[in-house]
Amino acid sequence: MLREGRFVIPTKDNSGKSTLAIVNKAITEAVNRFGGATAYEIGGFWTDSNGLLYRDAGMAIDVAYEPSLANDQAFAAIATRAAIQAEQESVYIRLASGEVSIPNVKPQPVEVAA
């Protein structure tokens, strides 16, 4: 039985540069892997650790697929790649199983031993 997964990618990175090419690439990956996708513009709201409210314009990408570990991992990988390429700190992912996560995808600094 098919279930619906979703991920959300802002349409601009944190410096204001368009991410639509990245979004389109992610949609193409989803279509190639799962056979289809629906994308539409949305607005997202979140607060930082200081309580400051932010609003992001974004694209929600919905994909119907059979819930399985392999499919969930492939779906999450598409979302994570797009978020990294769009220079985001995190990404909203709802798997077909219903599980929701907002993983941090911002590269962490590597400490070099002296």
C-alpha atoms as a PDB file:
ATOM      1  CA  MET A   1       0.000   0.000   0.000  1.00  0.00           C
ATOM      2  CA  LEU A   2       1.356   3.401  -0.937  1.00  0.00           C
ATOM      3  CA  ARG A   3       1.883   6.088   1.651  1.00  0.00           C
ATOM      4  CA  GLU A   4       2.997   9.666   1.163  1.00  0.00           C
ATOM      5  CA  GLY A   5       6.359  11.119   2.099  1.00  0.00           C
ATOM      6  CA  ARG A   6       7.203  14.803   2.067  1.00  0.00           C
ATOM      7  CA  PHE A   7      10.236  17.019   2.299  1.00  0.00           C
ATOM      8  CA  VAL A   8      10.488  20.794   2.203  1.00  0.00           C
ATOM      9  CA  ILE A   9      13.303  22.817   0.645  1.00  0.00           C
ATOM     10  CA  PRO A  10      13.373  26.645   0.868  1.00  0.00           C
ATOM     11  CA  THR A  11      13.338  28.380  -2.519  1.00  0.00           C
ATOM     12  CA  LYS A  12      16.201  30.661  -1.457  1.00  0.00           C
ATOM     13  CA  ASP A  13      19.340  29.912   0.509  1.00  0.00           C
ATOM     14  CA  ASN A  14      20.328  31.925   3.572  1.00  0.00           C
ATOM     15  CA  SER A  15      22.047  34.544   1.398  1.00  0.00           C
ATOM     16  CA  GLY A  16      18.934  35.042  -0.770  1.00  0.00           C
ATOM     17  CA  LYS A  17      20.127  33.033  -3.785  1.00  0.00           C
ATOM     18  CA  SER A  18      17.490  30.953  -5.602  1.00  0.00           C
ATOM     19  CA  THR A  19      17.531  27.214  -4.935  1.00  0.00           C
ATOM     20  CA  LEU A  20      15.008  26.327  -7.659  1.00  0.00           C
ATOM     21  CA  ALA A  21      17.593  24.428  -9.733  1.00  0.00           C
ATOM     22  CA  ILE A  22      18.367  22.320  -6.647  1.00  0.00           C
ATOM     23  CA  VAL A  23      14.649  21.784  -5.982  1.00  0.00           C
ATOM     24  CA  ASN A  24      14.111  20.716  -9.597  1.00  0.00           C
ATOM     25  CA  LYS A  25      17.023  18.276  -9.370  1.00  0.00           C
ATOM     26  CA  ALA A  26      15.523  16.759  -6.198  1.00  0.00           C
ATOM     27  CA  ILE A  27      12.131  16.429  -7.916  1.00  0.00           C
ATOM     28  CA  THR A  28      13.789  14.676 -10.859  1.00  0.00           C
ATOM     29  CA  GLU A  29      15.596  12.288  -8.475  1.00  0.00           C
ATOM     30  CA  ALA A  30      12.309  11.513  -6.699  1.00  0.00           C
ATOM     31  CA  VAL A  31      10.492  10.896  -9.987  1.00  0.00           C
ATOM     32  CA  ASN A  32      13.304   8.641 -11.238  1.00  0.00           C
ATOM     33  CA  ARG A  33      13.340   6.619  -7.989  1.00  0.00           C
ATOM     34  CA  PHE A  34       9.632   6.480  -7.138  1.00  0.00           C
ATOM     35  CA  GLY A  35       7.802   7.182 -10.402  1.00  0.00           C
ATOM     36  CA  GLY A  36       6.299  10.579  -9.579  1.00  0.00           C
ATOM     37  CA  ALA A  37       6.173  13.605  -7.320  1.00  0.00           C
ATOM     38  CA  THR A  38       3.965  16.600  -6.613  1.00  0.00           C
ATOM     39  CA  ALA A  39       5.557  19.919  -5.727  1.00  0.00           C
ATOM     40  CA  TYR A  40       3.993  23.162  -4.638  1.00  0.00           C
ATOM     41  CA  GLU A  41       4.946  26.443  -3.005  1.00  0.00           C
ATOM     42  CA  ILE A  42       4.472  26.742   0.741  1.00  0.00           C
ATOM     43  CA  GLY A  43       5.487  29.013   3.603  1.00  0.00           C
ATOM     44  CA  GLY A  44       7.295  27.646   6.624  1.00  0.00           C
ATOM     45  CA  PHE A  45       7.732  29.231  10.038  1.00  0.00           C
ATOM     46  CA  TRP A  46      10.234  28.437  12.765  1.00  0.00           C
ATOM     47  CA  THR A  47      11.956  30.023  15.727  1.00  0.00           C
ATOM     48  CA  ASP A  48      15.618  30.042  16.634  1.00  0.00           C
ATOM     49  CA  SER A  49      17.053  29.399  20.091  1.00  0.00           C
ATOM     50  CA  ASN A  50      16.402  33.062  21.006  1.00  0.00           C
ATOM     51  CA  GLY A  51      12.718  32.823  20.063  1.00  0.00           C
ATOM     52  CA  LEU A  52      13.103  34.942  16.909  1.00  0.00           C
ATOM     53  CA  LEU A  53      10.420  33.983  14.349  1.00  0.00           C
ATOM     54  CA  TYR A  54      11.535  33.254  10.779  1.00  0.00           C
ATOM     55  CA  ARG A  55       9.508  32.654   7.626  1.00  0.00           C
ATOM     56  CA  ASP A  56      10.805  30.769   4.628  1.00  0.00           C
ATOM     57  CA  ALA A  57       9.166  30.394   1.235  1.00  0.00           C
ATOM     58  CA  GLY A  58       9.708  26.838   0.111  1.00  0.00           C
ATOM     59  CA  MET A  59       8.693  23.935  -2.041  1.00  0.00           C
ATOM     60  CA  ALA A  60       6.973  20.905  -0.562  1.00  0.00           C
ATOM     61  CA  ILE A  61       7.736  17.743  -2.508  1.00  0.00           C
ATOM     62  CA  ASP A  62       5.227  14.931  -1.935  1.00  0.00           C
ATOM     63  CA  VAL A  63       5.984  11.421  -3.115  1.00  0.00           C
ATOM     64  CA  ALA A  64       3.849   8.270  -2.837  1.00  0.00           C
ATOM     65  CA  TYR A  65       5.816   5.096  -2.219  1.00  0.00           C
ATOM     66  CA  GLU A  66       5.672   1.740  -0.463  1.00  0.00           C
ATOM     67  CA  PRO A  67       6.977   2.177   3.081  1.00  0.00           C
ATOM     68  CA  SER A  68      10.147   0.154   3.582  1.00  0.00           C
ATOM     69  CA  LEU A  69      13.527   0.796   5.128  1.00  0.00           C
ATOM     70  CA  ALA A  70      15.194   0.968   1.699  1.00  0.00           C
ATOM     71  CA  ASN A  71      12.601   3.371   0.286  1.00  0.00           C
ATOM     72  CA  ASP A  72      12.652   5.551   3.413  1.00  0.00           C
ATOM     73  CA  GLN A  73      16.452   5.742   3.253  1.00  0.00           C
ATOM     74  CA  ALA A  74      16.404   6.627  -0.463  1.00  0.00           C
ATOM     75  CA  PHE A  75      13.734   9.283   0.116  1.00  0.00           C
ATOM     76  CA  ALA A  76      15.610  10.813   3.068  1.00  0.00           C
ATOM     77  CA  ALA A  77      18.847  10.797   1.047  1.00  0.00           C
ATOM     78  CA  ILE A  78      17.214  12.817  -1.750  1.00  0.00           C
ATOM     79  CA  ALA A  79      15.916  15.361   0.771  1.00  0.00           C
ATOM     80  CA  THR A  80      19.219  15.567   2.634  1.00  0.00           C
ATOM     81  CA  ARG A  81      21.267  16.052  -0.556  1.00  0.00           C
ATOM     82  CA  ALA A  82      18.967  18.861  -1.682  1.00  0.00           C
ATOM     83  CA  ALA A  83      19.151  20.586   1.708  1.00  0.00           C
ATOM     84  CA  ILE A  84      22.954  20.399   1.769  1.00  0.00           C
ATOM     85  CA  GLN A  85      23.185  21.751  -1.785  1.00  0.00           C
ATOM     86  CA  ALA A  86      20.770  24.552  -0.829  1.00  0.00           C
ATOM     87  CA  GLU A  87      23.075  25.392   2.106  1.00  0.00           C
ATOM     88  CA  GLN A  88      20.394  24.790   4.727  1.00  0.00           C
ATOM     89  CA  GLU A  89      21.006  23.989   8.373  1.00  0.00           C
ATOM     90  CA  SER A  90      18.230  21.386   8.529  1.00  0.00           C
ATOM     91  CA  VAL A  91      15.455  19.834   6.446  1.00  0.00           C
ATOM     92  CA  TYR A  92      11.888  18.747   7.202  1.00  0.00           C
ATOM     93  CA  ILE A  93      11.334  15.121   6.201  1.00  0.00           C
ATOM     94  CA  ARG A  94       8.158  13.084   6.667  1.00  0.00           C
ATOM     95  CA  LEU A  95       8.656   9.470   5.665  1.00  0.00           C
ATOM     96  CA  ALA A  96       5.896   7.333   4.186  1.00  0.00           C
ATOM     97  CA  SER A  97       5.852   5.461   7.497  1.00  0.00           C
ATOM     98  CA  GLY A  98       4.625   8.706   9.101  1.00  0.00           C
ATOM     99  CA  GLU A  99       7.857   9.360  10.990  1.00  0.00           C
ATOM    100  CA  VAL A 100       8.876  13.028  10.925  1.00  0.00           C
ATOM    101  CA  SER A 101      12.411  14.293  11.415  1.00  0.00           C
ATOM    102  CA  ILE A 102      14.236  17.579  11.018  1.00  0.00           C
ATOM    103  CA  PRO A 103      17.860  16.497  10.824  1.00  0.00           C
ATOM    104  CA  ASN A 104      20.699  18.976  11.022  1.00  0.00           C
ATOM    105  CA  VAL A 105      22.468  18.836   7.656  1.00  0.00           C
ATOM    106  CA  LYS A 106      24.847  21.748   8.140  1.00  0.00           C
ATOM    107  CA  PRO A 107      28.437  20.546   7.863  1.00  0.00           C
ATOM    108  CA  GLN A 108      30.098  20.532  11.254  1.00  0.00           C
ATOM    109  CA  PRO A 109      33.618  21.946  11.632  1.00  0.00           C
ATOM    110  CA  VAL A 110      36.300  19.303  11.877  1.00  0.00           C
ATOM    111  CA  GLU A 111      38.801  19.694  14.654  1.00  0.00           C
ATOM    112  CA  VAL A 112      42.372  19.038  13.616  1.00  0.00           C
ATOM    113  CA  ALA A 113      44.698  17.687  16.251  1.00  0.00           C
ATOM    114  CA  ALA A 114      47.802  19.789  16.773  1.00  0.00           C
END
